[in-house]
N, C-alpha and C. Protein backbone atom coordinates (compact mmCIF):
# COMPACT_ATOMS: atom_id res chain seq x y z
N UNK A 1 91.97 91.29 108.04
CA UNK A 1 92.53 92.61 107.76
C UNK A 1 93.23 93.10 109.01
N UNK A 2 94.39 93.65 108.83
CA UNK A 2 95.19 94.20 109.93
C UNK A 2 95.07 95.72 109.93
N UNK A 3 95.19 96.32 111.09
CA UNK A 3 95.17 97.78 111.17
C UNK A 3 96.41 98.26 111.90
N UNK A 4 96.76 99.51 111.68
CA UNK A 4 97.89 100.14 112.33
C UNK A 4 97.51 101.57 112.67
N UNK A 5 98.19 102.12 113.64
CA UNK A 5 97.92 103.49 114.08
C UNK A 5 99.10 104.38 113.70
N UNK A 6 98.81 105.57 113.22
CA UNK A 6 99.85 106.52 112.87
C UNK A 6 100.27 107.25 114.15
N UNK A 7 101.58 107.25 114.42
CA UNK A 7 102.10 107.89 115.63
C UNK A 7 102.17 109.41 115.42
N UNK A 8 102.40 110.17 116.49
CA UNK A 8 102.55 111.63 116.34
C UNK A 8 103.69 112.02 115.40
N UNK A 9 104.66 111.08 115.20
CA UNK A 9 105.77 111.34 114.28
C UNK A 9 105.48 110.78 112.89
N UNK A 10 104.21 110.42 112.64
CA UNK A 10 103.77 109.86 111.36
C UNK A 10 104.43 108.53 111.04
N UNK A 11 104.75 107.76 112.06
CA UNK A 11 105.32 106.43 111.87
C UNK A 11 104.22 105.39 112.01
N UNK A 12 104.39 104.29 111.27
CA UNK A 12 103.43 103.19 111.31
C UNK A 12 104.19 101.90 111.53
N UNK A 13 103.71 101.06 112.43
CA UNK A 13 104.31 99.74 112.66
C UNK A 13 103.55 98.73 111.82
N UNK A 14 104.27 97.97 111.01
CA UNK A 14 103.65 96.93 110.19
C UNK A 14 103.36 95.75 111.12
N UNK A 15 102.12 95.30 111.17
CA UNK A 15 101.77 94.20 112.08
C UNK A 15 102.63 92.95 111.83
N UNK A 16 102.94 92.23 112.91
CA UNK A 16 103.81 91.06 112.85
C UNK A 16 103.32 90.01 111.86
N UNK A 17 102.01 89.79 111.83
CA UNK A 17 101.44 88.81 110.90
C UNK A 17 101.83 89.13 109.46
N UNK A 18 101.79 90.41 109.09
CA UNK A 18 102.15 90.82 107.73
C UNK A 18 103.65 90.77 107.52
N UNK A 19 104.42 91.20 108.52
CA UNK A 19 105.90 91.14 108.41
C UNK A 19 106.36 89.72 108.17
N UNK A 20 105.78 88.78 108.92
CA UNK A 20 106.16 87.38 108.77
C UNK A 20 105.75 86.83 107.40
N UNK A 21 104.53 87.13 106.98
CA UNK A 21 104.03 86.62 105.70
C UNK A 21 104.87 87.12 104.54
N UNK A 22 105.33 88.38 104.60
CA UNK A 22 106.12 88.97 103.52
C UNK A 22 107.61 88.84 103.73
N UNK A 23 108.01 88.22 104.85
CA UNK A 23 109.43 88.02 105.19
C UNK A 23 110.19 89.35 105.17
N UNK A 24 109.59 90.37 105.81
CA UNK A 24 110.23 91.68 105.91
C UNK A 24 111.27 91.66 107.02
N UNK A 25 112.31 92.48 106.86
CA UNK A 25 113.35 92.55 107.88
C UNK A 25 113.63 94.01 108.21
N UNK A 26 114.14 94.27 109.41
CA UNK A 26 114.46 95.65 109.80
C UNK A 26 115.44 96.29 108.82
N UNK A 27 115.17 97.51 108.44
CA UNK A 27 116.03 98.24 107.52
C UNK A 27 115.69 98.02 106.05
N UNK A 28 114.83 97.05 105.78
CA UNK A 28 114.42 96.80 104.39
C UNK A 28 113.60 97.98 103.90
N UNK A 29 113.77 98.33 102.64
CA UNK A 29 113.05 99.47 102.08
C UNK A 29 111.76 99.00 101.43
N UNK A 30 110.77 99.88 101.45
CA UNK A 30 109.51 99.63 100.76
C UNK A 30 109.19 100.84 99.89
N UNK A 31 108.63 100.57 98.73
CA UNK A 31 108.20 101.64 97.85
C UNK A 31 106.75 101.95 98.22
N UNK A 32 106.42 103.22 98.34
CA UNK A 32 105.06 103.62 98.70
C UNK A 32 104.43 104.33 97.52
N UNK A 33 103.25 103.86 97.14
CA UNK A 33 102.55 104.38 95.98
C UNK A 33 101.16 104.82 96.40
N UNK A 34 100.75 106.00 95.96
CA UNK A 34 99.39 106.45 96.20
C UNK A 34 98.55 105.96 95.02
N UNK A 35 97.53 105.19 95.34
CA UNK A 35 96.67 104.60 94.32
C UNK A 35 95.23 104.89 94.69
N UNK A 36 94.53 105.67 93.86
CA UNK A 36 93.19 106.14 94.18
C UNK A 36 93.22 106.83 95.54
N UNK A 37 92.53 106.28 96.51
CA UNK A 37 92.47 106.92 97.83
C UNK A 37 93.14 106.05 98.89
N UNK A 38 94.25 105.39 98.50
CA UNK A 38 94.93 104.52 99.45
C UNK A 38 96.44 104.56 99.21
N UNK A 39 97.18 104.01 100.17
CA UNK A 39 98.64 103.91 100.06
C UNK A 39 98.98 102.43 99.94
N UNK A 40 99.79 102.08 98.95
CA UNK A 40 100.27 100.72 98.79
C UNK A 40 101.76 100.70 99.06
N UNK A 41 102.18 99.72 99.85
CA UNK A 41 103.61 99.55 100.18
C UNK A 41 104.11 98.29 99.50
N UNK A 42 105.17 98.43 98.72
CA UNK A 42 105.74 97.30 97.99
C UNK A 42 107.16 97.07 98.48
N UNK A 43 107.43 95.90 99.08
CA UNK A 43 108.79 95.62 99.56
C UNK A 43 109.76 95.59 98.39
N UNK A 44 110.88 96.30 98.53
CA UNK A 44 111.93 96.27 97.51
C UNK A 44 112.86 95.11 97.81
N UNK A 45 113.29 94.43 96.75
CA UNK A 45 114.19 93.29 96.90
C UNK A 45 115.40 93.51 96.02
N UNK A 46 116.51 92.88 96.42
CA UNK A 46 117.72 92.92 95.60
C UNK A 46 117.47 92.10 94.35
N UNK A 47 118.11 92.49 93.27
CA UNK A 47 117.93 91.79 92.00
C UNK A 47 118.35 90.33 92.14
N UNK A 48 119.34 90.04 92.98
CA UNK A 48 119.79 88.66 93.16
C UNK A 48 118.71 87.80 93.82
N UNK A 49 117.81 88.41 94.58
CA UNK A 49 116.72 87.67 95.21
C UNK A 49 115.58 87.39 94.24
N UNK A 50 115.59 88.03 93.09
CA UNK A 50 114.51 87.88 92.12
C UNK A 50 114.73 86.70 91.17
N UNK A 51 115.90 86.08 91.24
CA UNK A 51 116.22 84.99 90.32
C UNK A 51 115.16 83.88 90.42
N UNK A 52 114.57 83.55 89.28
CA UNK A 52 113.62 82.45 89.19
C UNK A 52 112.19 82.78 89.57
N UNK A 53 111.88 84.03 89.91
CA UNK A 53 110.53 84.33 90.36
C UNK A 53 109.50 84.25 89.23
N UNK A 54 109.93 84.24 87.98
CA UNK A 54 109.01 84.10 86.85
C UNK A 54 108.97 82.68 86.29
N UNK A 55 109.63 81.75 86.98
CA UNK A 55 109.69 80.37 86.50
C UNK A 55 108.27 79.81 86.35
N UNK A 56 108.00 79.22 85.19
CA UNK A 56 106.71 78.62 84.94
C UNK A 56 105.65 79.58 84.40
N UNK A 57 106.03 80.83 84.16
CA UNK A 57 105.06 81.80 83.65
C UNK A 57 104.64 81.43 82.23
N UNK A 58 103.37 81.61 81.92
CA UNK A 58 102.85 81.32 80.58
C UNK A 58 103.23 82.46 79.64
N UNK A 59 104.05 82.13 78.65
CA UNK A 59 104.52 83.15 77.70
C UNK A 59 103.79 83.06 76.35
N UNK A 60 102.69 82.31 76.31
CA UNK A 60 101.96 82.14 75.06
C UNK A 60 100.80 83.13 74.94
N UNK A 61 100.94 84.29 75.53
CA UNK A 61 99.90 85.30 75.49
C UNK A 61 99.84 85.91 74.08
N UNK A 62 98.63 86.03 73.55
CA UNK A 62 98.45 86.63 72.22
C UNK A 62 98.64 88.14 72.33
N UNK A 63 99.51 88.68 71.49
CA UNK A 63 99.81 90.11 71.49
C UNK A 63 98.80 90.86 70.62
N UNK A 64 98.66 92.14 70.89
CA UNK A 64 97.84 92.99 70.05
C UNK A 64 98.50 93.11 68.69
N UNK A 65 97.70 93.27 67.61
CA UNK A 65 98.28 93.33 66.26
C UNK A 65 99.36 94.42 66.09
N UNK A 66 99.22 95.55 66.76
CA UNK A 66 100.19 96.62 66.59
C UNK A 66 101.44 96.39 67.43
N UNK A 67 101.52 95.29 68.20
CA UNK A 67 102.69 95.01 69.06
C UNK A 67 103.50 93.81 68.60
N UNK A 68 103.17 93.25 67.45
CA UNK A 68 103.87 92.05 66.98
C UNK A 68 105.17 92.41 66.32
């Protein structure tokens, strides 16, 4: 688990280990969501970078009767 400190200007530095793992770059935007009692940061990506990310997904999921 990584930790970060909030600066007097309410800025947070994302630890290098996490930046590298998520391939974050300077200027990249992240969506911040409050979930229960925590903050989740989700890196935003261009739609062109999303091509093929669902490749191999199992689409044989049984739907609920009212959704068929």
